[in-house]
Amino acid sequence: MDTLLGFISGAAVSIGAVVVYLKVFLQKMVESKLTKGINEHKNKLEAVTEEIKHGYQKEIHNWSMYNTKKHEIYPTYYKRILKFHQNLTSDPTRHFEQVLGINEEEDINFAERYMIDPKVIKQIYENDSDYVDRMMKIEFLIQQYEFEQLSKEFNSLISDLEQDELYFSNKVFSITRKIIDNLNKLMINKEIAVYQIQNRTGFKGEENKIGGDLLNGFAALKNYMSNEMQTGN
């Protein structure tokens, strides 16, 4: 009987020890899994956080580059289109500081500024005895050259506007397009005057209105460009 009781008592102790061990083991296992789960979750959060942080940094960098590019394009384009307007509307005889058609050698040297072949000037002097006729022909060649240069710059302004449209706000782009449209009207008038095209009316008689629209357009363009560069929009 005592032996049986001792066995039962010992068995109870052993079972209790096993239970305690299992309890401790299970607790540690649960804690280990929890710790592992927490660490994995923490690592995932850190990875996601780093990815988001990198994304924001990239966006900030891209926005900074975008604004930097805009700050380069706006002032440069404004100066170019303003200078073009000045050249387009300036007096075509402003640079004739000498009287053309009188001295062949002087006219040859003067015409070379406008890429006019000296042989052309010599031919004019050979064919025309009247200095007025010579003067008009040389002036025409100079105005023709200048119009060709204006056409190249005008086409370049249009091309650059289309190429850099991404950096122009909708408002600035719209104002610029209206300016381009009005400059195109003046270019048509200029072409008709230079080449004396008889079958085209162009926009003759509208110069004052076009000029007023251009002045308002340039003022608005300067204002919107300045505000956007200051605010970073």
C-alpha atoms as a PDB file:
ATOM      1  CA  MET A   1       0.000   0.000   0.000  1.00  0.00           C
ATOM      2  CA  ASP A   2       2.793   2.347   0.956  1.00  0.00           C
ATOM      3  CA  THR A   3       4.575   1.358  -2.219  1.00  0.00           C
ATOM      4  CA  LEU A   4       1.492   2.109  -4.279  1.00  0.00           C
ATOM      5  CA  LEU A   5       1.052   5.464  -2.564  1.00  0.00           C
ATOM      6  CA  GLY A   6       4.692   6.237  -3.123  1.00  0.00           C
ATOM      7  CA  PHE A   7       4.382   5.351  -6.766  1.00  0.00           C
ATOM      8  CA  ILE A   8       1.292   7.483  -7.178  1.00  0.00           C
ATOM      9  CA  SER A   9       2.954  10.336  -5.314  1.00  0.00           C
ATOM     10  CA  GLY A  10       6.059  10.063  -7.462  1.00  0.00           C
ATOM     11  CA  ALA A  11       3.993   9.829 -10.587  1.00  0.00           C
ATOM     12  CA  ALA A  12       2.041  12.903  -9.551  1.00  0.00           C
ATOM     13  CA  VAL A  13       5.291  14.777  -8.999  1.00  0.00           C
ATOM     14  CA  SER A  14       6.613  13.655 -12.369  1.00  0.00           C
ATOM     15  CA  ILE A  15       3.399  14.619 -14.110  1.00  0.00           C
ATOM     16  CA  GLY A  16       3.465  17.963 -12.331  1.00  0.00           C
ATOM     17  CA  ALA A  17       7.041  18.481 -13.450  1.00  0.00           C
ATOM     18  CA  VAL A  18       6.102  17.554 -16.994  1.00  0.00           C
ATOM     19  CA  VAL A  19       3.161  19.912 -16.870  1.00  0.00           C
ATOM     20  CA  VAL A  20       5.374  22.702 -15.537  1.00  0.00           C
ATOM     21  CA  TYR A  21       7.981  21.947 -18.238  1.00  0.00           C
ATOM     22  CA  LEU A  22       5.345  21.842 -20.947  1.00  0.00           C
ATOM     23  CA  LYS A  23       3.881  25.079 -19.662  1.00  0.00           C
ATOM     24  CA  VAL A  24       7.292  26.771 -19.647  1.00  0.00           C
ATOM     25  CA  PHE A  25       8.142  25.261 -23.049  1.00  0.00           C
ATOM     26  CA  LEU A  26       4.865  26.331 -24.584  1.00  0.00           C
ATOM     27  CA  GLN A  27       5.200  29.782 -23.047  1.00  0.00           C
ATOM     28  CA  LYS A  28       8.700  30.161 -24.456  1.00  0.00           C
ATOM     29  CA  MET A  29       7.572  28.820 -27.816  1.00  0.00           C
ATOM     30  CA  VAL A  30       4.688  31.281 -27.894  1.00  0.00           C
ATOM     31  CA  GLU A  31       7.013  34.088 -26.814  1.00  0.00           C
ATOM     32  CA  SER A  32       9.526  33.054 -29.474  1.00  0.00           C
ATOM     33  CA  LYS A  33       6.864  33.005 -32.159  1.00  0.00           C
ATOM     34  CA  LEU A  34       5.505  36.326 -30.962  1.00  0.00           C
ATOM     35  CA  THR A  35       8.984  37.834 -30.920  1.00  0.00           C
ATOM     36  CA  LYS A  36       9.692  36.428 -34.378  1.00  0.00           C
ATOM     37  CA  GLY A  37       6.348  37.700 -35.651  1.00  0.00           C
ATOM     38  CA  ILE A  38       6.921  41.103 -34.117  1.00  0.00           C
ATOM     39  CA  ASN A  39      10.420  41.287 -35.610  1.00  0.00           C
ATOM     40  CA  GLU A  40       9.162  40.226 -39.018  1.00  0.00           C
ATOM     41  CA  HIS A  41       6.364  42.773 -38.836  1.00  0.00           C
ATOM     42  CA  LYS A  42       8.842  45.397 -37.665  1.00  0.00           C
ATOM     43  CA  ASN A  43      11.171  44.583 -40.579  1.00  0.00           C
ATOM     44  CA  LYS A  44       8.284  44.792 -43.023  1.00  0.00           C
ATOM     45  CA  LEU A  45       7.218  48.132 -41.575  1.00  0.00           C
ATOM     46  CA  GLU A  46      10.771  49.427 -41.795  1.00  0.00           C
ATOM     47  CA  ALA A  47      11.016  48.251 -45.417  1.00  0.00           C
ATOM     48  CA  VAL A  48       7.700  49.867 -46.331  1.00  0.00           C
ATOM     49  CA  THR A  49       8.677  53.034 -44.467  1.00  0.00           C
ATOM     50  CA  GLU A  50      12.017  53.149 -46.276  1.00  0.00           C
ATOM     51  CA  GLU A  51      10.287  52.612 -49.604  1.00  0.00           C
ATOM     52  CA  ILE A  52       7.820  55.418 -48.908  1.00  0.00           C
ATOM     53  CA  LYS A  53      10.642  57.648 -47.691  1.00  0.00           C
ATOM     54  CA  HIS A  54      12.630  56.904 -50.846  1.00  0.00           C
ATOM     55  CA  GLY A  55       9.550  57.634 -52.952  1.00  0.00           C
ATOM     56  CA  TYR A  56       9.033  60.995 -51.271  1.00  0.00           C
ATOM     57  CA  GLN A  57      12.719  61.845 -51.646  1.00  0.00           C
ATOM     58  CA  LYS A  58      12.539  60.957 -55.324  1.00  0.00           C
ATOM     59  CA  GLU A  59       9.414  63.082 -55.797  1.00  0.00           C
ATOM     60  CA  ILE A  60      11.043  65.992 -53.967  1.00  0.00           C
ATOM     61  CA  HIS A  61      14.165  65.586 -56.096  1.00  0.00           C
ATOM     62  CA  ASN A  62      12.136  65.418 -59.300  1.00  0.00           C
ATOM     63  CA  TRP A  63      10.062  68.441 -58.266  1.00  0.00           C
ATOM     64  CA  SER A  64      13.236  70.336 -57.435  1.00  0.00           C
ATOM     65  CA  MET A  65      14.698  69.475 -60.846  1.00  0.00           C
ATOM     66  CA  TYR A  66      11.400  70.448 -62.508  1.00  0.00           C
ATOM     67  CA  ASN A  67      11.381  73.846 -60.815  1.00  0.00           C
ATOM     68  CA  THR A  68      15.055  74.373 -61.592  1.00  0.00           C
ATOM     69  CA  LYS A  69      14.371  73.669 -65.267  1.00  0.00           C
ATOM     70  CA  LYS A  70      11.347  75.978 -65.236  1.00  0.00           C
ATOM     71  CA  HIS A  71      13.470  78.756 -63.693  1.00  0.00           C
ATOM     72  CA  GLU A  72      15.872  78.330 -66.598  1.00  0.00           C
ATOM     73  CA  ILE A  73      13.279  78.158 -69.365  1.00  0.00           C
ATOM     74  CA  TYR A  74      10.904  80.975 -68.348  1.00  0.00           C
ATOM     75  CA  PRO A  75      13.363  83.931 -68.268  1.00  0.00           C
ATOM     76  CA  THR A  76      15.258  82.701 -71.332  1.00  0.00           C
ATOM     77  CA  TYR A  77      12.119  82.229 -73.422  1.00  0.00           C
ATOM     78  CA  TYR A  78      10.627  85.540 -72.300  1.00  0.00           C
ATOM     79  CA  LYS A  79      13.783  87.445 -73.309  1.00  0.00           C
ATOM     80  CA  ARG A  80      13.901  85.663 -76.669  1.00  0.00           C
ATOM     81  CA  ILE A  81      10.293  86.321 -77.619  1.00  0.00           C
ATOM     82  CA  LEU A  82      10.524  89.951 -76.445  1.00  0.00           C
ATOM     83  CA  LYS A  83      13.724  90.477 -78.463  1.00  0.00           C
ATOM     84  CA  PHE A  84      12.093  88.880 -81.497  1.00  0.00           C
ATOM     85  CA  HIS A  85       9.178  91.297 -81.260  1.00  0.00           C
ATOM     86  CA  GLN A  86      11.586  94.240 -81.076  1.00  0.00           C
ATOM     87  CA  ASN A  87      13.495  93.061 -84.140  1.00  0.00           C
ATOM     88  CA  LEU A  88      10.286  92.355 -86.048  1.00  0.00           C
ATOM     89  CA  THR A  89       8.793  95.802 -85.444  1.00  0.00           C
ATOM     90  CA  SER A  90      11.966  97.878 -85.731  1.00  0.00           C
ATOM     91  CA  ASP A  91      12.577 100.304 -88.600  1.00  0.00           C
ATOM     92  CA  PRO A  92      13.970  98.287 -91.528  1.00  0.00           C
ATOM     93  CA  THR A  93      16.302 101.170 -92.475  1.00  0.00           C
ATOM     94  CA  ARG A  94      17.620 101.729 -88.941  1.00  0.00           C
ATOM     95  CA  HIS A  95      21.050 100.300 -89.756  1.00  0.00           C
ATOM     96  CA  PHE A  96      21.609 102.071 -93.057  1.00  0.00           C
ATOM     97  CA  GLU A  97      24.110 104.539 -91.637  1.00  0.00           C
ATOM     98  CA  GLN A  98      25.494 105.090 -95.116  1.00  0.00           C
ATOM     99  CA  VAL A  99      23.786 105.999 -98.351  1.00  0.00           C
ATOM    100  CA  LEU A 100      23.650 102.853-100.440  1.00  0.00           C
ATOM    101  CA  GLY A 101      24.100 102.744-104.188  1.00  0.00           C
ATOM    102  CA  ILE A 102      26.831 105.389-104.466  1.00  0.00           C
ATOM    103  CA  ASN A 103      30.149 103.720-103.608  1.00  0.00           C
ATOM    104  CA  GLU A 104      30.579 100.142-104.841  1.00  0.00           C
ATOM    105  CA  GLU A 105      33.429  99.209-102.498  1.00  0.00           C
ATOM    106  CA  GLU A 106      31.638 100.563 -99.438  1.00  0.00           C
ATOM    107  CA  ASP A 107      28.451  98.788-100.427  1.00  0.00           C
ATOM    108  CA  ILE A 108      30.308  95.503-100.861  1.00  0.00           C
ATOM    109  CA  ASN A 109      31.795  95.779 -97.364  1.00  0.00           C
ATOM    110  CA  PHE A 110      28.449  96.801 -95.892  1.00  0.00           C
ATOM    111  CA  ALA A 111      26.495  94.037 -97.652  1.00  0.00           C
ATOM    112  CA  GLU A 112      28.875  91.349 -96.392  1.00  0.00           C
ATOM    113  CA  ARG A 113      27.360  91.831 -92.928  1.00  0.00           C
ATOM    114  CA  TYR A 114      24.192  90.350 -94.389  1.00  0.00           C
ATOM    115  CA  MET A 115      25.887  87.431 -96.155  1.00  0.00           C
ATOM    116  CA  ILE A 116      25.419  89.049 -99.565  1.00  0.00           C
ATOM    117  CA  ASP A 117      27.890  87.839-102.142  1.00  0.00           C
ATOM    118  CA  PRO A 118      30.158  90.702-103.375  1.00  0.00           C
ATOM    119  CA  LYS A 119      29.541  89.461-106.931  1.00  0.00           C
ATOM    120  CA  VAL A 120      25.864  90.366-106.541  1.00  0.00           C
ATOM    121  CA  ILE A 121      26.755  93.960-105.619  1.00  0.00           C
ATOM    122  CA  LYS A 122      29.184  94.189-108.534  1.00  0.00           C
ATOM    123  CA  GLN A 123      26.486  92.949-110.881  1.00  0.00           C
ATOM    124  CA  ILE A 124      24.054  95.582-109.575  1.00  0.00           C
ATOM    125  CA  TYR A 125      26.589  98.314-110.273  1.00  0.00           C
ATOM    126  CA  GLU A 126      27.236  96.920-113.738  1.00  0.00           C
ATOM    127  CA  ASN A 127      23.577  96.715-114.683  1.00  0.00           C
ATOM    128  CA  ASP A 128      22.165  99.872-113.077  1.00  0.00           C
ATOM    129  CA  SER A 129      23.463 103.334-113.755  1.00  0.00           C
ATOM    130  CA  ASP A 130      20.977 105.097-111.467  1.00  0.00           C
ATOM    131  CA  TYR A 131      22.135 105.099-107.833  1.00  0.00           C
ATOM    132  CA  VAL A 132      18.500 105.089-106.606  1.00  0.00           C
ATOM    133  CA  ASP A 133      17.858 101.795-108.395  1.00  0.00           C
ATOM    134  CA  ARG A 134      21.079 100.379-106.963  1.00  0.00           C
ATOM    135  CA  MET A 135      20.114 101.539-103.482  1.00  0.00           C
ATOM    136  CA  MET A 136      16.660  99.952-103.668  1.00  0.00           C
ATOM    137  CA  LYS A 137      18.051  96.632-104.886  1.00  0.00           C
ATOM    138  CA  ILE A 138      20.679  96.469-102.154  1.00  0.00           C
ATOM    139  CA  GLU A 139      18.138  97.422 -99.495  1.00  0.00           C
ATOM    140  CA  PHE A 140      15.850  94.679-100.763  1.00  0.00           C
ATOM    141  CA  LEU A 141      18.641  92.098-100.461  1.00  0.00           C
ATOM    142  CA  ILE A 142      19.327  93.219 -96.883  1.00  0.00           C
ATOM    143  CA  GLN A 143      15.643  93.154 -95.901  1.00  0.00           C
ATOM    144  CA  GLN A 144      15.299  89.735 -97.533  1.00  0.00           C
ATOM    145  CA  TYR A 145      18.209  88.414 -95.467  1.00  0.00           C
ATOM    146  CA  GLU A 146      16.771  89.887 -92.262  1.00  0.00           C
ATOM    147  CA  PHE A 147      13.357  88.384 -92.929  1.00  0.00           C
ATOM    148  CA  GLU A 148      14.952  84.974 -93.432  1.00  0.00           C
ATOM    149  CA  GLN A 149      16.722  85.348 -90.079  1.00  0.00           C
ATOM    150  CA  LEU A 150      13.460  86.391 -88.425  1.00  0.00           C
ATOM    151  CA  SER A 151      11.715  83.360 -89.926  1.00  0.00           C
ATOM    152  CA  LYS A 152      14.361  81.023 -88.517  1.00  0.00           C
ATOM    153  CA  GLU A 153      14.073  82.522 -85.041  1.00  0.00           C
ATOM    154  CA  PHE A 154      10.270  82.491 -85.187  1.00  0.00           C
ATOM    155  CA  ASN A 155      10.211  78.813 -86.130  1.00  0.00           C
ATOM    156  CA  SER A 156      12.695  78.137 -83.337  1.00  0.00           C
ATOM    157  CA  LEU A 157      10.440  79.902 -80.810  1.00  0.00           C
ATOM    158  CA  ILE A 158       7.487  77.749 -81.873  1.00  0.00           C
ATOM    159  CA  SER A 159       9.549  74.553 -81.810  1.00  0.00           C
ATOM    160  CA  ASP A 160      11.016  75.275 -78.359  1.00  0.00           C
ATOM    161  CA  LEU A 161       7.587  76.128 -76.951  1.00  0.00           C
ATOM    162  CA  GLU A 162       6.213  72.777 -78.114  1.00  0.00           C
ATOM    163  CA  GLN A 163       9.301  70.916 -76.919  1.00  0.00           C
ATOM    164  CA  ASP A 164       9.253  72.503 -73.439  1.00  0.00           C
ATOM    165  CA  GLU A 165       5.468  72.560 -73.036  1.00  0.00           C
ATOM    166  CA  LEU A 166       5.823  70.244 -70.014  1.00  0.00           C
ATOM    167  CA  TYR A 167       7.460  73.060 -68.031  1.00  0.00           C
ATOM    168  CA  PHE A 168       4.872  75.691 -68.957  1.00  0.00           C
ATOM    169  CA  SER A 169       1.776  76.010 -66.817  1.00  0.00           C
ATOM    170  CA  ASN A 170      -1.510  75.945 -68.714  1.00  0.00           C
ATOM    171  CA  LYS A 171      -1.973  79.678 -68.184  1.00  0.00           C
ATOM    172  CA  VAL A 172       1.529  80.647 -69.273  1.00  0.00           C
ATOM    173  CA  PHE A 173       1.338  78.350 -72.280  1.00  0.00           C
ATOM    174  CA  SER A 174      -2.010  79.819 -73.331  1.00  0.00           C
ATOM    175  CA  ILE A 175      -0.716  83.402 -73.074  1.00  0.00           C
ATOM    176  CA  THR A 176       2.427  82.496 -75.001  1.00  0.00           C
ATOM    177  CA  ARG A 177       0.422  80.860 -77.778  1.00  0.00           C
ATOM    178  CA  LYS A 178      -1.668  84.026 -78.181  1.00  0.00           C
ATOM    179  CA  ILE A 179       1.518  86.081 -78.430  1.00  0.00           C
ATOM    180  CA  ILE A 180       2.866  83.672 -81.057  1.00  0.00           C
ATOM    181  CA  ASP A 181      -0.385  83.974 -83.033  1.00  0.00           C
ATOM    182  CA  ASN A 182      -0.151  87.781 -83.055  1.00  0.00           C
ATOM    183  CA  LEU A 183       3.528  87.704 -83.979  1.00  0.00           C
ATOM    184  CA  ASN A 184       2.621  85.408 -86.863  1.00  0.00           C
ATOM    185  CA  LYS A 185       0.197  88.048 -88.167  1.00  0.00           C
ATOM    186  CA  LEU A 186       2.988  90.631 -88.097  1.00  0.00           C
ATOM    187  CA  MET A 187       5.299  88.154 -89.833  1.00  0.00           C
ATOM    188  CA  ILE A 188       2.749  87.794 -92.647  1.00  0.00           C
ATOM    189  CA  ASN A 189       2.552  91.586 -92.986  1.00  0.00           C
ATOM    190  CA  LYS A 190       6.347  91.756 -92.987  1.00  0.00           C
ATOM    191  CA  GLU A 191       6.630  89.114 -95.709  1.00  0.00           C
ATOM    192  CA  ILE A 192       4.096  90.931 -97.893  1.00  0.00           C
ATOM    193  CA  ALA A 193       5.986  94.223 -97.453  1.00  0.00           C
ATOM    194  CA  VAL A 194       9.443  92.775 -98.099  1.00  0.00           C
ATOM    195  CA  TYR A 195       8.526  90.705-101.145  1.00  0.00           C
ATOM    196  CA  GLN A 196       5.786  93.106-102.311  1.00  0.00           C
ATOM    197  CA  ILE A 197       3.233  90.325-102.658  1.00  0.00           C
ATOM    198  CA  GLN A 198       0.243  91.805-104.435  1.00  0.00           C
ATOM    199  CA  ASN A 199      -2.291  88.996-104.061  1.00  0.00           C
ATOM    200  CA  ARG A 200      -2.225  88.815-100.259  1.00  0.00           C
ATOM    201  CA  THR A 201      -3.900  91.305 -97.944  1.00  0.00           C
ATOM    202  CA  GLY A 202      -2.531  89.889 -94.699  1.00  0.00           C
ATOM    203  CA  PHE A 203      -3.491  91.893 -91.620  1.00  0.00           C
ATOM    204  CA  LYS A 204      -2.878  95.362 -92.983  1.00  0.00           C
ATOM    205  CA  GLY A 205      -4.714  97.991 -90.948  1.00  0.00           C
ATOM    206  CA  GLU A 206      -4.736  95.795 -87.841  1.00  0.00           C
ATOM    207  CA  GLU A 207      -1.198  96.648 -86.717  1.00  0.00           C
ATOM    208  CA  ASN A 208      -2.345  98.949 -83.901  1.00  0.00           C
ATOM    209  CA  LYS A 209      -4.728  96.360 -82.455  1.00  0.00           C
ATOM    210  CA  ILE A 210      -2.147  93.599 -82.793  1.00  0.00           C
ATOM    211  CA  GLY A 211       0.463  95.835 -81.175  1.00  0.00           C
ATOM    212  CA  GLY A 212      -1.853  96.561 -78.241  1.00  0.00           C
ATOM    213  CA  ASP A 213      -2.673  92.888 -77.804  1.00  0.00           C
ATOM    214  CA  LEU A 214       1.037  92.059 -77.824  1.00  0.00           C
ATOM    215  CA  LEU A 215       1.876  94.662 -75.173  1.00  0.00           C
ATOM    216  CA  ASN A 216      -0.888  93.289 -72.937  1.00  0.00           C
ATOM    217  CA  GLY A 217       0.261  89.753 -73.660  1.00  0.00           C
ATOM    218  CA  PHE A 218       3.869  90.467 -72.731  1.00  0.00           C
ATOM    219  CA  ALA A 219       2.780  92.164 -69.504  1.00  0.00           C
ATOM    220  CA  ALA A 220       0.575  89.197 -68.548  1.00  0.00           C
ATOM    221  CA  LEU A 221       3.278  86.699 -69.502  1.00  0.00           C
ATOM    222  CA  LYS A 222       5.870  88.455 -67.356  1.00  0.00           C
ATOM    223  CA  ASN A 223       3.458  88.636 -64.428  1.00  0.00           C
ATOM    224  CA  TYR A 224       2.437  84.961 -64.487  1.00  0.00           C
ATOM    225  CA  MET A 225       5.982  83.724 -65.066  1.00  0.00           C
ATOM    226  CA  SER A 226       7.284  85.814 -62.160  1.00  0.00           C
ATOM    227  CA  ASN A 227       4.543  84.651 -59.791  1.00  0.00           C
ATOM    228  CA  GLU A 228       5.087  80.978 -60.643  1.00  0.00           C
ATOM    229  CA  MET A 229       8.846  81.223 -60.144  1.00  0.00           C
ATOM    230  CA  GLN A 230       8.378  82.951 -56.796  1.00  0.00           C
ATOM    231  CA  THR A 231       5.805  80.496 -55.482  1.00  0.00           C
ATOM    232  CA  GLY A 232       7.380  77.398 -57.050  1.00  0.00           C
ATOM    233  CA  ASN A 233       4.177  76.389 -58.828  1.00  0.00           C
END
